[in-house]
Amino acid sequence: FRALADGTRRKVVERLGRGPASVSELAEPFAMALPSFVQHLRVLEDCGLVVSTKSGRVRSYELVPKRMKSAEDWLLRQRALWEKRLD
């Protein structure tokens, strides 16, 4: 959840939902230095939401849907709990 708390990282996850992308493709819409952007990617990778591969000099990232599913399952359980309490 810490990884998804940041708007930049949420947008990266949304973009990767459409398919894998290189670092330069992911960084293009953001007005920040590449090293700063790569830190965002590192946070996403460290928590297991994305994986990276390197082909030559190009590093690409791809979403790990299984990790998103575990967060979704937890949120659904919490929602059910709170709806029950509020009814």
C-alpha atoms as a PDB file:
ATOM      1  CA  PHE A   1       0.000   0.000   0.000  1.00  0.00           C
ATOM      2  CA  ARG A   2       2.917   2.360   0.616  1.00  0.00           C
ATOM      3  CA  ALA A   3       3.957   1.888  -2.989  1.00  0.00           C
ATOM      4  CA  LEU A   4       0.489   2.817  -4.218  1.00  0.00           C
ATOM      5  CA  ALA A   5       0.183   5.816  -1.909  1.00  0.00           C
ATOM      6  CA  ASP A   6       2.162   7.918  -4.382  1.00  0.00           C
ATOM      7  CA  GLY A   7       0.344   9.324  -7.428  1.00  0.00           C
ATOM      8  CA  THR A   8       3.296   8.825  -9.758  1.00  0.00           C
ATOM      9  CA  ARG A   9       3.522   5.152  -8.880  1.00  0.00           C
ATOM     10  CA  ARG A  10      -0.238   4.690  -9.271  1.00  0.00           C
ATOM     11  CA  LYS A  11      -0.011   6.153 -12.775  1.00  0.00           C
ATOM     12  CA  VAL A  12       2.885   3.830 -13.605  1.00  0.00           C
ATOM     13  CA  VAL A  13       0.842   0.837 -12.422  1.00  0.00           C
ATOM     14  CA  GLU A  14      -2.106   2.025 -14.523  1.00  0.00           C
ATOM     15  CA  ARG A  15       0.148   2.318 -17.573  1.00  0.00           C
ATOM     16  CA  LEU A  16       1.648  -1.126 -17.006  1.00  0.00           C
ATOM     17  CA  GLY A  17      -1.880  -2.504 -16.869  1.00  0.00           C
ATOM     18  CA  ARG A  18      -1.918  -1.982 -20.645  1.00  0.00           C
ATOM     19  CA  GLY A  19       1.300  -3.970 -21.113  1.00  0.00           C
ATOM     20  CA  PRO A  20       5.065  -3.899 -20.520  1.00  0.00           C
ATOM     21  CA  ALA A  21       7.017  -0.702 -21.165  1.00  0.00           C
ATOM     22  CA  SER A  22      10.583   0.546 -21.106  1.00  0.00           C
ATOM     23  CA  VAL A  23      11.826   2.974 -18.478  1.00  0.00           C
ATOM     24  CA  SER A  24      11.907   5.801 -21.021  1.00  0.00           C
ATOM     25  CA  GLU A  25       8.309   5.098 -22.101  1.00  0.00           C
ATOM     26  CA  LEU A  26       7.156   5.073 -18.495  1.00  0.00           C
ATOM     27  CA  ALA A  27       9.087   8.235 -17.581  1.00  0.00           C
ATOM     28  CA  GLU A  28       7.992  10.278 -20.604  1.00  0.00           C
ATOM     29  CA  PRO A  29       4.784  11.809 -19.145  1.00  0.00           C
ATOM     30  CA  PHE A  30       6.477  12.885 -15.898  1.00  0.00           C
ATOM     31  CA  ALA A  31       8.406  16.110 -15.411  1.00  0.00           C
ATOM     32  CA  MET A  32      11.195  14.720 -13.236  1.00  0.00           C
ATOM     33  CA  ALA A  33      14.795  13.657 -13.595  1.00  0.00           C
ATOM     34  CA  LEU A  34      15.273  10.052 -14.702  1.00  0.00           C
ATOM     35  CA  PRO A  35      17.126   9.023 -11.494  1.00  0.00           C
ATOM     36  CA  SER A  36      14.167  10.268  -9.423  1.00  0.00           C
ATOM     37  CA  PHE A  37      11.728   8.376 -11.616  1.00  0.00           C
ATOM     38  CA  VAL A  38      13.797   5.193 -11.368  1.00  0.00           C
ATOM     39  CA  GLN A  39      13.455   5.410  -7.580  1.00  0.00           C
ATOM     40  CA  HIS A  40       9.684   5.112  -8.034  1.00  0.00           C
ATOM     41  CA  LEU A  41      10.187   2.028 -10.177  1.00  0.00           C
ATOM     42  CA  ARG A  42      12.481   0.556  -7.543  1.00  0.00           C
ATOM     43  CA  VAL A  43       9.804   0.972  -4.860  1.00  0.00           C
ATOM     44  CA  LEU A  44       7.270  -0.811  -7.074  1.00  0.00           C
ATOM     45  CA  GLU A  45       9.733  -3.594  -7.800  1.00  0.00           C
ATOM     46  CA  ASP A  46      10.817  -3.982  -4.164  1.00  0.00           C
ATOM     47  CA  CYS A  47       7.220  -4.588  -3.081  1.00  0.00           C
ATOM     48  CA  GLY A  48       6.639  -7.050  -5.917  1.00  0.00           C
ATOM     49  CA  LEU A  49       4.088  -5.085  -7.933  1.00  0.00           C
ATOM     50  CA  VAL A  50       6.329  -4.996 -11.014  1.00  0.00           C
ATOM     51  CA  VAL A  51       9.251  -6.971 -12.412  1.00  0.00           C
ATOM     52  CA  SER A  52      11.968  -5.730 -14.706  1.00  0.00           C
ATOM     53  CA  THR A  53      13.913  -7.367 -17.496  1.00  0.00           C
ATOM     54  CA  LYS A  54      16.901  -6.085 -19.386  1.00  0.00           C
ATOM     55  CA  SER A  55      17.526  -6.629 -23.083  1.00  0.00           C
ATOM     56  CA  GLY A  56      20.753  -5.008 -24.174  1.00  0.00           C
ATOM     57  CA  ARG A  57      20.665  -1.482 -22.783  1.00  0.00           C
ATOM     58  CA  VAL A  58      16.883  -1.319 -22.451  1.00  0.00           C
ATOM     59  CA  ARG A  59      15.209  -2.128 -19.148  1.00  0.00           C
ATOM     60  CA  SER A  60      11.499  -2.898 -19.322  1.00  0.00           C
ATOM     61  CA  TYR A  61       8.919  -3.289 -16.596  1.00  0.00           C
ATOM     62  CA  GLU A  62       5.791  -5.369 -16.377  1.00  0.00           C
ATOM     63  CA  LEU A  63       2.975  -5.613 -13.857  1.00  0.00           C
ATOM     64  CA  VAL A  64       2.666  -8.617 -11.527  1.00  0.00           C
ATOM     65  CA  PRO A  65      -1.124  -9.087 -11.365  1.00  0.00           C
ATOM     66  CA  LYS A  66      -0.898 -11.686  -8.580  1.00  0.00           C
ATOM     67  CA  ARG A  67       0.372  -9.037  -6.143  1.00  0.00           C
ATOM     68  CA  MET A  68      -2.461  -6.677  -7.075  1.00  0.00           C
ATOM     69  CA  LYS A  69      -4.944  -9.505  -6.481  1.00  0.00           C
ATOM     70  CA  SER A  70      -3.799  -9.972  -2.875  1.00  0.00           C
ATOM     71  CA  ALA A  71      -4.335  -6.248  -2.214  1.00  0.00           C
ATOM     72  CA  GLU A  72      -7.748  -6.401  -3.876  1.00  0.00           C
ATOM     73  CA  ASP A  73      -8.766  -9.391  -1.746  1.00  0.00           C
ATOM     74  CA  TRP A  74      -7.754  -7.588   1.447  1.00  0.00           C
ATOM     75  CA  LEU A  75      -9.651  -4.453   0.439  1.00  0.00           C
ATOM     76  CA  LEU A  76     -12.779  -6.470  -0.338  1.00  0.00           C
ATOM     77  CA  ARG A  77     -12.666  -8.069   3.105  1.00  0.00           C
ATOM     78  CA  GLN A  78     -12.250  -4.651   4.736  1.00  0.00           C
ATOM     79  CA  ARG A  79     -15.100  -3.206   2.709  1.00  0.00           C
ATOM     80  CA  ALA A  80     -17.425  -6.022   3.745  1.00  0.00           C
ATOM     81  CA  LEU A  81     -16.466  -5.480   7.390  1.00  0.00           C
ATOM     82  CA  TRP A  82     -17.119  -1.731   7.259  1.00  0.00           C
ATOM     83  CA  GLU A  83     -20.382  -2.084   5.345  1.00  0.00           C
ATOM     84  CA  LYS A  84     -21.585  -4.528   7.991  1.00  0.00           C
ATOM     85  CA  ARG A  85     -20.608  -2.098  10.763  1.00  0.00           C
ATOM     86  CA  LEU A  86     -22.295   0.867   9.065  1.00  0.00           C
ATOM     87  CA  ASP A  87     -25.581  -0.941   8.317  1.00  0.00           C
END
